[in-house]
Protein backbone atom coordinates (compact mmCIF):
# COMPACT_ATOMS: atom_id res chain seq x y z
CA MET A 1 -0.13 -0.01 0.01
CA ASN A 2 1.47 3.33 -1.07
CA SER A 3 1.70 6.38 1.25
CA LEU A 4 -1.27 8.06 -0.30
CA SER A 5 -3.41 5.06 0.15
CA LYS A 6 -2.38 4.61 3.83
CA LEU A 7 -3.19 8.52 4.40
CA MET A 8 -6.61 7.89 2.90
CA GLU A 9 -7.31 4.77 4.90
CA ARG A 10 -6.33 6.89 8.04
CA LEU A 11 -8.40 9.70 7.22
CA ALA A 12 -11.45 7.39 6.62
CA LEU A 13 -10.94 5.72 10.02
CA VAL A 14 -10.83 9.10 11.52
CA LEU A 15 -14.09 10.16 10.22
CA VAL A 16 -15.69 7.02 11.12
CA VAL A 17 -14.64 7.28 14.69
CA GLY A 18 -15.52 10.83 14.73
CA ALA A 19 -19.04 10.04 13.53
CA LEU A 20 -19.48 7.50 16.09
CA ALA A 21 -18.26 9.78 18.67
CA SER A 22 -20.70 12.55 17.79
CA ALA A 23 -23.46 10.26 17.57
CA GLU A 24 -22.97 9.19 21.20
CA SER A 25 -22.08 12.65 22.55
CA PRO A 26 -24.83 15.33 22.53
CA ALA A 27 -22.30 17.88 23.54
CA ALA A 28 -20.81 17.58 19.92
CA GLU A 29 -24.33 18.27 18.23
CA PRO A 30 -23.80 21.87 17.10
CA VAL A 31 -21.21 20.40 14.74
CA SER A 32 -22.72 17.02 13.96
CA ARG A 33 -26.30 18.04 13.75
CA PRO A 34 -27.37 21.16 11.69
CA PRO A 35 -30.06 23.52 12.68
CA VAL A 36 -33.60 22.52 11.90
CA VAL A 37 -34.87 24.34 8.85
CA LEU A 38 -38.80 24.73 8.65
CA THR A 39 -40.58 23.59 5.55
CA ASP A 40 -43.96 24.35 4.07
CA GLU A 41 -45.06 20.78 5.26
CA ALA A 42 -44.20 21.45 8.85
CA ARG A 43 -45.65 24.96 8.91
CA LYS A 44 -48.96 23.62 7.63
CA LEU A 45 -48.91 20.53 9.98
CA HIS A 46 -48.24 22.89 12.80
CA ALA A 47 -51.13 25.01 11.90
CA GLU A 48 -53.49 21.86 11.89
CA THR A 49 -52.15 20.80 15.32
CA LEU A 50 -53.62 21.56 18.83
CA LEU A 51 -50.46 22.60 20.63
CA ILE A 52 -50.76 22.08 24.19
CA ASP A 53 -47.93 22.98 26.66
CA GLY A 54 -48.10 21.48 30.14
CA HIS A 55 -45.94 24.00 32.05
CA ASN A 56 -45.33 27.81 31.80
CA ASP A 57 -44.03 29.92 34.83
CA LEU A 58 -45.05 33.18 33.42
CA PRO A 59 -47.19 34.16 36.31
CA TRP A 60 -44.43 34.33 38.81
CA GLU A 61 -42.27 36.29 36.51
CA LEU A 62 -45.18 38.72 36.01
CA ARG A 63 -45.33 39.02 39.89
CA GLN A 64 -41.52 39.39 40.19
CA GLN A 65 -41.03 41.76 37.32
CA ALA A 66 -44.10 43.96 37.55
CA ARG A 67 -45.94 43.01 40.64
CA GLY A 68 -48.57 41.43 38.28
CA GLN A 69 -49.45 44.78 36.78
CA PHE A 70 -49.90 44.62 33.00
CA ASP A 71 -49.58 48.37 32.55
CA LYS A 72 -45.87 47.78 33.41
CA LEU A 73 -45.44 44.67 31.73
CA ASP A 74 -47.93 44.39 28.85
CA VAL A 75 -47.54 40.87 27.26
CA SER A 76 -49.46 42.05 24.25
CA LYS A 77 -46.29 43.32 23.03
CA ALA A 78 -42.77 41.87 22.68
CA GLN A 79 -41.06 41.64 26.10
CA PRO A 80 -37.42 40.86 25.82
CA THR A 81 -37.12 40.03 29.63
CA LEU A 82 -39.60 37.12 29.21
CA GLN A 83 -39.56 34.02 27.27
CA THR A 84 -43.36 34.48 26.82
CA ASP A 85 -45.41 37.12 25.28
CA ILE A 86 -48.66 37.13 23.11
CA PRO A 87 -46.86 37.96 19.76
CA ARG A 88 -44.41 34.92 20.19
CA LEU A 89 -47.32 32.72 21.48
CA ARG A 90 -49.09 33.45 18.23
CA GLN A 91 -45.88 32.83 16.27
CA GLY A 92 -45.27 29.44 18.15
CA GLY A 93 -49.02 28.39 17.26
CA VAL A 94 -50.00 27.60 20.94
CA GLY A 95 -53.47 26.34 21.28
CA ALA A 96 -53.61 25.71 24.88
CA GLN A 97 -51.33 26.47 27.84
CA PHE A 98 -51.13 25.47 31.42
CA TRP A 99 -49.99 28.24 33.55
CA SER A 100 -48.14 27.23 36.55
CA VAL A 101 -49.17 29.00 39.93
CA TRP A 102 -45.96 28.14 41.51
CA VAL A 103 -44.93 29.81 44.77
CA PRO A 104 -41.71 29.26 46.49
CA GLY A 105 -41.26 26.61 49.15
CA GLU A 106 -40.29 29.03 51.82
CA THR A 107 -43.83 30.36 51.79
CA SER A 108 -44.89 27.02 53.48
CA LYS A 109 -42.38 27.90 56.35
CA ARG A 110 -44.29 31.02 57.17
CA GLY A 111 -47.65 29.69 56.56
CA ALA A 112 -48.16 31.94 53.34
CA ALA A 113 -48.02 29.03 50.75
CA LEU A 114 -51.99 29.00 50.21
CA SER A 115 -52.52 32.71 50.31
CA THR A 116 -49.77 33.24 47.71
CA THR A 117 -50.87 30.40 45.48
CA ILE A 118 -54.55 32.19 45.45
CA GLU A 119 -52.90 35.41 44.45
CA GLN A 120 -51.25 33.48 41.67
CA ILE A 121 -54.48 32.01 40.61
CA GLU A 122 -55.91 35.34 40.63
CA LEU A 123 -53.09 36.72 38.70
CA VAL A 124 -53.70 34.12 35.81
CA LYS A 125 -57.52 35.12 35.94
CA ALA A 126 -56.53 38.91 35.57
CA MET A 127 -54.31 38.10 32.62
CA ILE A 128 -57.09 36.24 31.00
CA ALA A 129 -59.35 39.22 31.59
CA ARG A 130 -57.11 41.88 30.53
CA TYR A 131 -56.53 40.15 27.16
CA PRO A 132 -59.84 38.48 26.37
CA GLU A 133 -59.23 38.56 22.56
CA THR A 134 -56.33 36.18 23.15
CA PHE A 135 -57.11 33.98 26.26
CA GLU A 136 -59.90 32.11 27.64
CA LEU A 137 -60.19 30.04 31.05
CA ALA A 138 -60.51 26.16 30.25
CA LEU A 139 -61.65 23.79 32.73
CA THR A 140 -62.34 20.62 30.67
CA ALA A 141 -60.87 18.79 27.70
CA ASN A 142 -63.88 19.96 25.69
CA ASP A 143 -63.28 23.57 26.88
CA ILE A 144 -59.64 23.21 25.29
CA GLU A 145 -61.06 22.14 21.93
CA ARG A 146 -63.70 24.71 21.76
CA ILE A 147 -61.67 27.43 22.79
CA ALA A 148 -58.90 26.59 20.25
CA LYS A 149 -61.49 26.39 17.45
CA THR A 150 -62.31 30.15 18.12
CA GLY A 151 -58.38 31.05 17.61
CA LYS A 152 -57.97 31.83 21.23
CA ILE A 153 -55.52 30.25 23.54
CA ALA A 154 -57.19 27.93 26.14
CA SER A 155 -55.63 28.79 29.49
CA LEU A 156 -55.46 26.36 32.30
CA ILE A 157 -54.18 26.54 35.77
CA GLY A 158 -51.63 23.95 37.28
CA VAL A 159 -50.47 24.17 40.98
CA GLU A 160 -46.89 23.28 41.40
CA GLY A 161 -46.04 22.01 44.90
CA GLY A 162 -48.27 20.07 47.30
CA TYR A 163 -47.32 22.42 49.98
CA SER A 164 -49.87 24.82 48.64
CA ILE A 165 -52.79 22.79 50.17
CA GLU A 166 -51.15 23.09 53.71
CA GLY A 167 -52.01 19.48 54.49
CA SER A 168 -55.66 19.90 53.84
CA ILE A 169 -57.90 17.90 51.77
CA PRO A 170 -60.54 20.68 51.94
CA VAL A 171 -57.94 22.95 50.48
CA LEU A 172 -57.27 20.73 47.71
CA ARG A 173 -60.95 20.88 46.79
CA GLN A 174 -60.85 24.70 47.13
CA LEU A 175 -58.06 24.96 44.58
CA TYR A 176 -59.88 22.71 42.25
CA GLY A 177 -63.01 24.81 42.55
CA MET A 178 -60.86 28.00 41.75
CA GLY A 179 -59.95 26.29 38.41
CA ALA A 180 -56.60 24.30 39.16
CA ARG A 181 -56.74 21.20 36.83
CA TYR A 182 -53.55 19.65 38.04
CA MET A 183 -51.28 19.61 41.10
CA THR A 184 -47.51 18.70 41.13
CA LEU A 185 -47.21 16.67 44.29
CA THR A 186 -43.93 18.32 45.37
CA HIS A 187 -41.34 20.88 44.18
CA SER A 188 -37.64 20.73 45.10
CA ASP A 189 -38.16 19.77 48.78
CA SER A 190 -39.78 16.75 50.29
CA LEU A 191 -43.08 17.04 52.15
CA ASP A 192 -44.12 15.07 55.12
CA TRP A 193 -46.45 13.17 52.67
CA ALA A 194 -44.52 12.92 49.35
CA ASP A 195 -40.92 12.91 48.58
CA SER A 196 -39.16 15.06 46.03
CA GLY A 197 -36.54 13.63 43.55
CA THR A 198 -34.14 16.46 44.76
CA ASP A 199 -34.36 16.21 48.44
CA VAL A 200 -33.83 13.46 51.15
CA PRO A 201 -37.01 11.18 51.51
CA ARG A 202 -39.15 11.72 54.42
CA SER A 203 -42.16 9.23 53.69
CA GLY A 204 -40.58 6.55 51.69
CA GLY A 205 -42.34 7.90 48.48
CA LEU A 206 -45.80 8.43 49.59
CA SER A 207 -47.52 8.61 52.94
CA ASP A 208 -51.00 7.32 53.84
CA PHE A 209 -52.00 11.24 53.48
CA GLY A 210 -50.30 11.29 50.21
CA GLU A 211 -52.41 8.27 48.75
CA GLU A 212 -55.44 10.17 50.14
CA VAL A 213 -54.37 13.27 48.23
CA VAL A 214 -54.10 11.16 45.03
CA ARG A 215 -57.48 9.50 45.60
CA GLU A 216 -59.30 12.85 46.01
CA MET A 217 -57.57 14.40 43.16
CA ASN A 218 -58.82 11.27 40.87
CA ARG A 219 -62.35 11.81 42.64
CA LEU A 220 -62.26 15.62 41.75
CA GLY A 221 -61.05 14.93 38.09
CA MET A 222 -57.79 16.79 39.02
CA MET A 223 -54.75 15.43 37.04
CA VAL A 224 -52.01 14.10 39.23
CA ASP A 225 -48.67 15.61 38.19
CA ILE A 226 -45.54 13.60 39.25
CA SER A 227 -42.78 15.80 37.88
CA HIS A 228 -40.27 16.70 40.84
CA VAL A 229 -41.14 13.72 42.83
CA SER A 230 -38.69 10.90 43.59
CA PRO A 231 -38.92 7.60 41.73
CA ALA A 232 -40.38 5.80 44.78
CA ALA A 233 -43.09 8.59 45.06
CA MET A 234 -43.61 8.10 41.31
CA LYS A 235 -44.31 4.36 41.78
CA ALA A 236 -46.33 4.72 44.80
CA VAL A 237 -48.65 7.17 42.94
CA LEU A 238 -48.92 4.81 39.82
CA LYS A 239 -49.94 1.95 42.23
CA VAL A 240 -52.67 4.08 43.80
CA ALA A 241 -53.91 6.20 40.95
CA LYS A 242 -57.17 5.22 39.15
CA ALA A 243 -56.77 7.78 36.43
CA PRO A 244 -53.86 8.51 34.07
CA VAL A 245 -51.06 10.73 35.64
CA ILE A 246 -48.93 13.40 34.02
CA PHE A 247 -45.39 14.46 34.14
CA SER A 248 -46.02 18.15 33.47
CA HIS A 249 -42.30 19.09 32.69
CA SER A 250 -39.79 16.14 32.95
CA SER A 251 -37.63 14.32 30.50
CA ALA A 252 -35.92 10.92 30.07
CA ARG A 253 -33.31 9.88 32.79
CA ALA A 254 -31.63 7.53 30.46
CA VAL A 255 -30.68 10.38 28.23
CA ALA A 256 -29.67 12.75 30.99
CA ASP A 257 -29.05 11.45 34.34
CA HIS A 258 -30.87 14.15 36.46
CA PRO A 259 -33.25 13.09 39.42
CA ARG A 260 -35.80 15.64 37.75
CA ASN A 261 -36.14 13.14 34.86
CA VAL A 262 -38.12 9.96 34.67
CA PRO A 263 -36.36 6.37 34.74
CA ASP A 264 -37.11 3.71 32.17
CA ASP A 265 -38.89 1.40 34.72
CA VAL A 266 -41.26 4.30 35.60
CA LEU A 267 -41.67 5.26 31.80
CA LYS A 268 -42.98 1.72 31.28
CA LEU A 269 -45.31 1.92 34.38
CA THR A 270 -46.50 5.24 33.13
CA ALA A 271 -47.56 3.67 29.73
CA ALA A 272 -49.40 0.91 31.54
CA ASN A 273 -51.18 3.75 33.46
CA GLY A 274 -52.05 5.56 30.30
CA GLY A 275 -50.25 8.63 31.32
CA VAL A 276 -48.16 11.19 29.72
CA VAL A 277 -44.46 12.46 30.15
CA MET A 278 -44.24 16.22 28.95
CA VAL A 279 -40.65 16.96 28.08
CA ASN A 280 -38.93 19.67 29.77
CA PHE A 281 -36.65 22.10 27.66
CA PHE A 282 -34.28 23.15 30.51
CA SER A 283 -30.66 22.56 29.28
CA ALA A 284 -29.72 21.48 32.82
CA PHE A 285 -32.19 18.63 32.61
CA ILE A 286 -31.76 17.37 29.10
CA VAL A 287 -28.06 17.94 28.25
CA PRO A 288 -26.01 15.12 29.90
CA GLU A 289 -23.04 17.33 30.63
CA SER A 290 -25.27 19.98 32.05
CA ALA A 291 -27.31 17.76 34.14
CA ALA A 292 -24.21 16.33 35.85
CA ARG A 293 -23.26 19.79 36.67
CA ASP A 294 -26.73 20.66 37.99
CA VAL A 295 -26.71 17.74 40.18
CA GLU A 296 -23.29 18.80 41.79
CA ARG A 297 -24.57 22.32 42.06
CA MET A 298 -27.90 21.14 43.97
CA ALA A 299 -25.63 19.10 46.18
CA TYR A 300 -23.34 22.02 47.08
CA ARG A 301 -26.44 24.22 47.69
CA ARG A 302 -27.85 21.49 50.14
CA GLU A 303 -24.37 21.73 52.06
CA ILE A 304 -24.15 25.32 52.44
CA ASP A 305 -27.85 25.65 53.46
CA LYS A 306 -26.94 23.55 56.45
CA THR A 307 -24.32 26.10 57.46
CA ILE A 308 -25.46 29.55 56.36
CA SER A 309 -28.89 30.80 57.47
CA ASP A 310 -28.62 34.36 55.53
CA GLU A 311 -30.26 34.02 52.01
CA GLY A 312 -28.16 36.72 50.80
CA GLU A 313 -24.92 34.95 51.67
CA VAL A 314 -26.20 31.74 50.21
CA GLU A 315 -26.75 33.45 46.75
CA GLN A 316 -23.34 34.91 46.86
CA ALA A 317 -21.90 31.58 47.54
CA MET A 318 -23.76 30.05 44.46
CA LYS A 319 -22.73 32.84 42.39
CA ARG A 320 -19.08 32.13 43.31
CA TRP A 321 -19.69 28.39 42.56
CA ASP A 322 -21.47 29.42 39.08
CA ALA A 323 -18.37 31.42 38.19
CA GLU A 324 -15.93 28.72 39.11
CA HIS A 325 -17.84 25.82 37.28
CA GLY A 326 -19.37 27.70 34.16
CA ARG A 327 -22.97 27.59 32.84
CA GLY A 328 -22.79 24.05 31.25
CA GLU A 329 -23.72 23.23 27.76
CA ARG A 330 -26.91 24.66 26.11
CA GLY A 331 -27.42 21.74 23.71
CA THR A 332 -29.87 22.17 20.57
CA ILE A 333 -33.35 21.37 19.70
CA HIS A 334 -31.92 17.88 18.73
CA THR A 335 -31.13 17.19 22.45
CA LEU A 336 -35.03 17.47 23.21
CA ILE A 337 -35.93 15.39 20.38
CA ASP A 338 -33.39 12.68 21.64
CA HIS A 339 -35.61 12.67 24.83
CA ILE A 340 -38.76 12.35 22.88
CA ASP A 341 -37.29 9.62 20.85
CA HIS A 342 -36.47 7.66 23.93
CA ILE A 343 -39.61 8.03 25.64
CA VAL A 344 -41.27 6.83 22.47
CA GLN A 345 -39.09 3.63 22.30
CA VAL A 346 -39.61 2.83 25.94
CA ALA A 347 -43.46 3.86 26.55
CA GLY A 348 -44.80 4.42 23.06
CA VAL A 349 -45.71 7.49 21.04
CA GLU A 350 -49.14 7.90 23.09
CA HIS A 351 -47.22 8.63 26.36
CA VAL A 352 -44.97 11.81 25.48
CA GLY A 353 -45.93 15.44 25.48
CA ILE A 354 -44.62 19.12 25.59
CA GLY A 355 -43.74 20.76 28.84
CA SER A 356 -41.46 23.51 28.14
CA ASP A 357 -40.94 25.24 31.66
CA TYR A 358 -40.63 28.56 29.79
CA ASP A 359 -40.05 31.66 32.14
CA GLY A 360 -39.10 28.92 34.79
CA VAL A 361 -35.65 28.12 33.59
CA SER A 362 -32.40 29.97 33.04
CA MET A 363 -30.85 28.27 29.90
CA LEU A 364 -32.46 26.67 26.88
CA PRO A 365 -31.29 24.78 23.70
CA ALA A 366 -30.57 26.58 20.60
CA GLN A 367 -33.87 27.01 18.44
CA LEU A 368 -36.00 26.52 21.58
CA GLU A 369 -35.24 30.05 23.19
CA ASP A 370 -39.01 31.10 23.60
CA VAL A 371 -42.60 30.11 22.92
CA SER A 372 -42.19 31.21 19.35
CA THR A 373 -40.14 28.00 18.55
CA TYR A 374 -42.71 25.14 18.83
CA PRO A 375 -42.88 24.73 14.98
CA TYR A 376 -39.37 23.73 14.87
CA ILE A 377 -40.25 20.46 17.22
CA THR A 378 -42.82 19.74 14.50
CA GLN A 379 -40.13 20.07 11.92
CA ALA A 380 -37.65 18.00 13.86
CA LEU A 381 -40.10 15.25 14.34
CA LEU A 382 -40.85 15.02 10.67
CA ASP A 383 -37.23 14.98 9.96
CA ARG A 384 -36.87 11.80 12.06
CA GLY A 385 -39.58 10.10 10.28
CA TYR A 386 -42.70 10.54 12.67
CA SER A 387 -46.04 10.52 10.99
CA HIS A 388 -48.36 13.56 10.97
CA GLU A 389 -50.71 11.45 13.37
CA ASP A 390 -48.03 10.85 15.82
CA ILE A 391 -46.82 14.52 15.78
CA LYS A 392 -50.26 15.65 16.60
CA LYS A 393 -50.25 13.19 19.57
CA ILE A 394 -47.03 14.40 20.89
CA ASN A 395 -47.72 18.22 20.44
CA GLY A 396 -51.11 17.89 22.40
CA GLY A 397 -53.25 14.94 21.53
CA ASN A 398 -51.81 12.78 24.19
CA LEU A 399 -52.45 15.29 27.06
CA LEU A 400 -56.04 15.84 25.72
CA ARG A 401 -56.54 12.14 26.10
CA VAL A 402 -55.33 11.93 29.64
CA MET A 403 -57.42 15.01 30.82
CA ARG A 404 -60.52 13.45 29.20
CA ALA A 405 -59.57 10.15 30.89
CA THR A 406 -59.16 11.85 34.22
CA GLU A 407 -62.72 13.56 33.85
CA GLN A 408 -64.23 10.20 32.96
CA ALA A 409 -62.76 8.45 35.99
CA ALA A 410 -64.03 11.37 38.25
CA GLU A 411 -67.62 10.48 36.79
CA LYS A 412 -67.39 7.00 37.96
């Protein structure tokens, strides 16, 4: 073999090894996987699709940035400090949105979780009233379909964090009566009746009272959301639940090993339950390298919380940690589609949906920067060979099915 032939052989080997490495390493995807390019087919399909996002934290951002005053932060106009506004919702083709009425966990320590949650619910209703040409409150699956057909965005309410009910079943009923159609059982901290995936366990998954909460939610027709909870709590809920569950904003743990994501054994149980996992867009949850960094960051935060009581000092310590460790990789839209692919492979295409977590996260993949970008998901799914019918299921049909099944279970 002459020297030129040897050189060509080595070059071919390098290319093959490089291709394999890039296929296995999402961190390399900006080079190995080009940006998604919208086609007329995707635009048309997306326009025909009822896009339902399971989780958006705009209400808390409105509270933080403008005290909930729309004269100060008018979302009918472009708002660069937000990931969500009406022009971009329209551009993204959003048909229905679950608005999260999250409140910080510390409110429960001072007895203000319920009152602050009610304030957040009222803020969502004030937004709907302020922009009646754009939003309308939806309480049922039929409402979603009816409102979407009018060209408005069906607006639903999701409670994030079981501490909002302050240990009371009557309060749970009160929140349902105010319009809440799902509740995430925990947030970042474990409760005395349900364990969080990002805290030490307190009840071995779900206590007797936790089981009562799940049964009451089933009786009411309120979807049980098991994002944020521990795997043991996920399994306990799936054992008790008489209606399909949701993960309103979680992704696949086998793709990115983060405790906020769903393990494969739970994906299979969710399929058997009829539930849906609505993929989260946060880079720290879906990019493997960034997930590892975030797990390390959370562990550091837990440690300093034990020794530093002043919140300002804690935040300064975290800023120093971030400066030393960097932000992590953003990833791209392809990273998100990897999670969808995996859930489809393990649980089936009927059990995956969209739960962006917009305005609740600090870093997003390329081509998923805000609520205008949903059509790129439709295109990326087309590019990977998904049928029109299956894309409609992922974009909203699966969630609609789960909500309707939850309502039917309550009727029984």
